[in-house]
Amino acid sequence: MDALLTSFLLAALGEWGDKTQLLVLLFVARYGKPLPVLAGVAVGALANALLASAGGLLVHDFITLRAISLLVAVALFYAGVAGLMGRSRPDDAPQWRTGLFLTTAICFFLTEFGDKTQFLTFAISAQYGVLVLPALGATLGVLAASAPAALMGAKFEAALPVKGIRIGAAILLLLAAFVVAINALRLV
């Protein structure tokens, strides 16, 4: 259960104000259908998370607990630094002939492949040595960050301080990275 909750929280924090929300806003603005967009995000996020979690599970038995803790610290640091960097809004949504759901799933998968949430999921899976719970938690975290953008549409950025929330989440991730690294290095 710790793996599920940890990956949920980290994915929700990491994806706030990130390109996932921007992609969701773009698709909802263009097509006006939030549910197929969210369903596509869920499938793309689950595919990314399962790949990351499988990799973490493979690494779990080959490195020490201390090394895994350092891996988690590096993943948190990467997510925090990435969160401090500004995101540019994509110019236009792709117009593929695959339908809105499949287009969103493919775009999300490709856009988020190798992103901070995938790295965090990898690290959490390596730490706990489980496959499904970190992947499910990360997927739900991505959906928790994407749902407000999908449901509010154009009003999203005007109603919420997205940049402030993104920077606050990034600072929390950096603080968590510091604490995990200090503990992993046994400096305390």
Protein backbone atom coordinates (compact mmCIF):
# COMPACT_ATOMS: atom_id res chain seq x y z
CA MET A 1 0.00 0.00 0.00
CA ASP A 2 2.95 2.32 0.64
CA ALA A 3 4.06 1.90 -2.98
CA LEU A 4 0.59 2.86 -4.24
CA LEU A 5 0.29 5.92 -2.03
CA THR A 6 3.85 7.11 -2.59
CA SER A 7 3.67 6.82 -6.37
CA PHE A 8 0.22 8.47 -6.40
CA LEU A 9 1.43 11.45 -4.40
CA LEU A 10 4.66 11.87 -6.35
CA ALA A 11 2.94 11.60 -9.73
CA ALA A 12 0.20 14.05 -8.74
CA LEU A 13 2.78 16.55 -7.50
CA GLY A 14 5.13 16.00 -10.41
CA GLU A 15 2.52 16.39 -13.12
CA TRP A 16 0.97 19.60 -11.79
CA GLY A 17 1.58 22.35 -14.32
CA ASP A 18 3.52 19.93 -16.52
CA LYS A 19 3.05 19.12 -20.18
CA THR A 20 0.40 16.54 -19.28
CA GLN A 21 -2.01 19.23 -18.15
CA LEU A 22 -1.11 21.37 -21.16
CA LEU A 23 -1.77 18.45 -23.50
CA VAL A 24 -5.11 17.77 -21.81
CA LEU A 25 -6.08 21.44 -22.09
CA LEU A 26 -5.16 21.44 -25.76
CA PHE A 27 -7.21 18.35 -26.59
CA VAL A 28 -10.21 19.50 -24.56
CA ALA A 29 -10.08 22.97 -26.14
CA ARG A 30 -9.94 21.49 -29.63
CA TYR A 31 -12.48 18.67 -29.28
CA GLY A 32 -14.56 19.67 -26.23
CA LYS A 33 -14.74 16.09 -24.93
CA PRO A 34 -12.98 15.68 -21.57
CA LEU A 35 -13.92 12.02 -20.90
CA PRO A 36 -12.26 10.46 -23.97
CA VAL A 37 -9.23 12.66 -23.30
CA LEU A 38 -8.98 11.49 -19.68
CA ALA A 39 -9.48 7.87 -20.77
CA GLY A 40 -6.64 8.26 -23.28
CA VAL A 41 -4.42 9.82 -20.62
CA ALA A 42 -5.21 6.90 -18.30
CA VAL A 43 -4.19 4.32 -20.91
CA GLY A 44 -1.02 6.20 -21.89
CA ALA A 45 -0.09 6.77 -18.24
CA LEU A 46 -0.71 3.14 -17.34
CA ALA A 47 1.46 1.93 -20.23
CA ASN A 48 4.30 4.27 -19.20
CA ALA A 49 3.94 3.37 -15.54
CA LEU A 50 3.92 -0.38 -16.18
CA LEU A 51 7.11 -0.09 -18.24
CA ALA A 52 8.78 1.95 -15.52
CA SER A 53 7.56 -0.33 -12.77
CA ALA A 54 8.76 -3.43 -14.62
CA GLY A 55 12.21 -1.87 -14.95
CA GLY A 56 12.26 -0.97 -11.27
CA LEU A 57 11.25 -4.49 -10.34
CA LEU A 58 14.13 -5.88 -12.43
CA VAL A 59 16.62 -3.61 -10.66
CA HIS A 60 15.25 -4.32 -7.15
CA ASP A 61 17.20 -7.53 -6.60
CA PHE A 62 20.47 -6.31 -8.08
CA ILE A 63 21.26 -3.22 -6.03
CA THR A 64 21.47 -2.56 -2.31
CA LEU A 65 18.80 -0.84 -0.27
CA ARG A 66 21.09 2.15 0.20
CA ALA A 67 21.60 2.43 -3.57
CA ILE A 68 17.84 2.21 -4.09
CA SER A 69 17.36 5.03 -1.59
CA LEU A 70 19.86 7.14 -3.51
CA LEU A 71 18.01 6.28 -6.73
CA VAL A 72 14.80 7.57 -5.16
CA ALA A 73 16.60 10.75 -4.05
CA VAL A 74 17.92 11.32 -7.58
CA ALA A 75 14.44 10.75 -9.04
CA LEU A 76 12.94 13.24 -6.58
CA PHE A 77 15.67 15.77 -7.34
CA TYR A 78 15.12 15.37 -11.08
CA ALA A 79 11.37 15.81 -10.65
CA GLY A 80 11.87 18.90 -8.49
CA VAL A 81 14.29 20.56 -10.91
CA ALA A 82 12.05 19.72 -13.87
CA GLY A 83 9.12 21.26 -12.01
CA LEU A 84 11.00 24.53 -11.59
CA MET A 85 11.54 24.82 -15.32
CA GLY A 86 8.77 26.55 -17.23
CA ARG A 87 6.66 24.64 -19.70
CA SER A 88 5.64 25.95 -23.06
CA ARG A 89 2.19 25.22 -24.33
CA PRO A 90 2.06 23.02 -27.44
CA ASP A 91 0.96 24.90 -30.53
CA ASP A 92 -1.75 22.56 -31.71
CA ALA A 93 -3.25 19.16 -31.02
CA PRO A 94 -2.40 16.41 -33.51
CA GLN A 95 -5.16 15.58 -35.98
CA TRP A 96 -4.61 11.88 -36.53
CA ARG A 97 -7.31 9.63 -37.90
CA THR A 98 -7.18 7.33 -34.92
CA GLY A 99 -9.95 8.96 -32.92
CA LEU A 100 -9.68 11.20 -29.89
CA PHE A 101 -9.16 8.42 -27.32
CA LEU A 102 -6.38 6.63 -29.18
CA THR A 103 -4.73 9.87 -30.31
CA THR A 104 -4.62 11.10 -26.72
CA ALA A 105 -3.27 7.77 -25.44
CA ILE A 106 -0.50 7.68 -28.06
CA CYS A 107 0.41 11.36 -27.63
CA PHE A 108 0.50 11.04 -23.87
CA PHE A 109 2.61 7.88 -24.02
CA LEU A 110 5.13 9.45 -26.39
CA THR A 111 5.22 12.81 -24.60
CA GLU A 112 5.70 11.30 -21.15
CA PHE A 113 8.11 8.53 -22.15
CA GLY A 114 11.28 9.07 -20.10
CA ASP A 115 9.68 11.90 -18.13
CA LYS A 116 10.06 12.50 -14.41
CA THR A 117 6.93 10.56 -13.47
CA GLN A 118 8.24 7.50 -15.26
CA PHE A 119 11.58 7.86 -13.46
CA LEU A 120 9.82 8.28 -10.10
CA THR A 121 7.69 5.19 -10.77
CA PHE A 122 10.83 3.23 -11.66
CA ALA A 123 12.48 4.28 -8.40
CA ILE A 124 9.42 3.51 -6.26
CA SER A 125 9.04 0.08 -7.86
CA ALA A 126 12.74 -0.61 -7.25
CA GLN A 127 12.35 0.46 -3.63
CA TYR A 128 9.30 -1.67 -2.85
CA GLY A 129 9.95 -4.55 -5.25
CA VAL A 130 6.41 -4.65 -6.62
CA LEU A 131 5.01 -4.16 -10.12
CA VAL A 132 1.34 -3.23 -10.03
CA LEU A 133 0.96 -0.88 -7.06
CA PRO A 134 3.51 1.78 -8.14
CA ALA A 135 2.12 1.69 -11.70
CA LEU A 136 -1.46 2.03 -10.50
CA GLY A 137 -0.54 4.81 -8.07
CA ALA A 138 1.34 6.77 -10.73
CA THR A 139 -1.54 6.38 -13.19
CA LEU A 140 -4.04 7.62 -10.62
CA GLY A 141 -1.71 10.50 -9.71
CA VAL A 142 -1.45 11.56 -13.35
CA LEU A 143 -5.24 11.41 -13.63
CA ALA A 144 -5.63 13.45 -10.43
CA ALA A 145 -3.44 16.16 -11.95
CA SER A 146 -5.15 15.94 -15.36
CA ALA A 147 -8.80 15.84 -14.27
CA PRO A 148 -9.08 19.50 -13.20
CA ALA A 149 -7.62 20.61 -16.54
CA ALA A 150 -10.01 18.37 -18.48
CA LEU A 151 -13.11 19.29 -16.52
CA MET A 152 -12.45 23.03 -16.25
CA GLY A 153 -11.11 23.44 -19.78
CA ALA A 154 -10.29 27.03 -20.71
CA LYS A 155 -11.18 28.25 -17.20
CA PHE A 156 -8.45 26.08 -15.64
CA GLU A 157 -5.50 28.47 -15.90
CA ALA A 158 -7.59 31.49 -14.96
CA ALA A 159 -9.15 29.81 -11.91
CA LEU A 160 -6.03 28.23 -10.40
CA PRO A 161 -2.51 29.55 -9.80
CA VAL A 162 -0.97 26.76 -11.91
CA LYS A 163 2.55 28.22 -11.94
CA GLY A 164 2.55 28.77 -8.17
CA ILE A 165 1.28 25.25 -7.51
CA ARG A 166 3.88 23.81 -9.91
CA ILE A 167 6.71 25.68 -8.18
CA GLY A 168 5.41 24.74 -4.71
CA ALA A 169 5.22 21.07 -5.73
CA ALA A 170 8.75 21.28 -7.17
CA ILE A 171 10.07 22.69 -3.90
CA LEU A 172 8.37 19.87 -1.96
CA LEU A 173 9.98 17.31 -4.27
CA LEU A 174 13.40 18.93 -3.80
CA LEU A 175 12.99 18.90 -0.01
CA ALA A 176 11.98 15.24 -0.14
CA ALA A 177 15.05 14.51 -2.30
CA PHE A 178 17.26 16.19 0.28
CA VAL A 179 15.77 14.22 3.18
CA VAL A 180 15.95 10.89 1.34
CA ALA A 181 19.55 11.56 0.23
CA ILE A 182 20.64 12.52 3.76
CA ASN A 183 19.08 9.32 5.13
CA ALA A 184 20.54 7.17 2.33
CA LEU A 185 24.01 8.55 2.92
CA ARG A 186 23.51 8.08 6.66
CA LEU A 187 24.51 11.65 7.41
CA VAL A 188 21.92 11.86 10.17
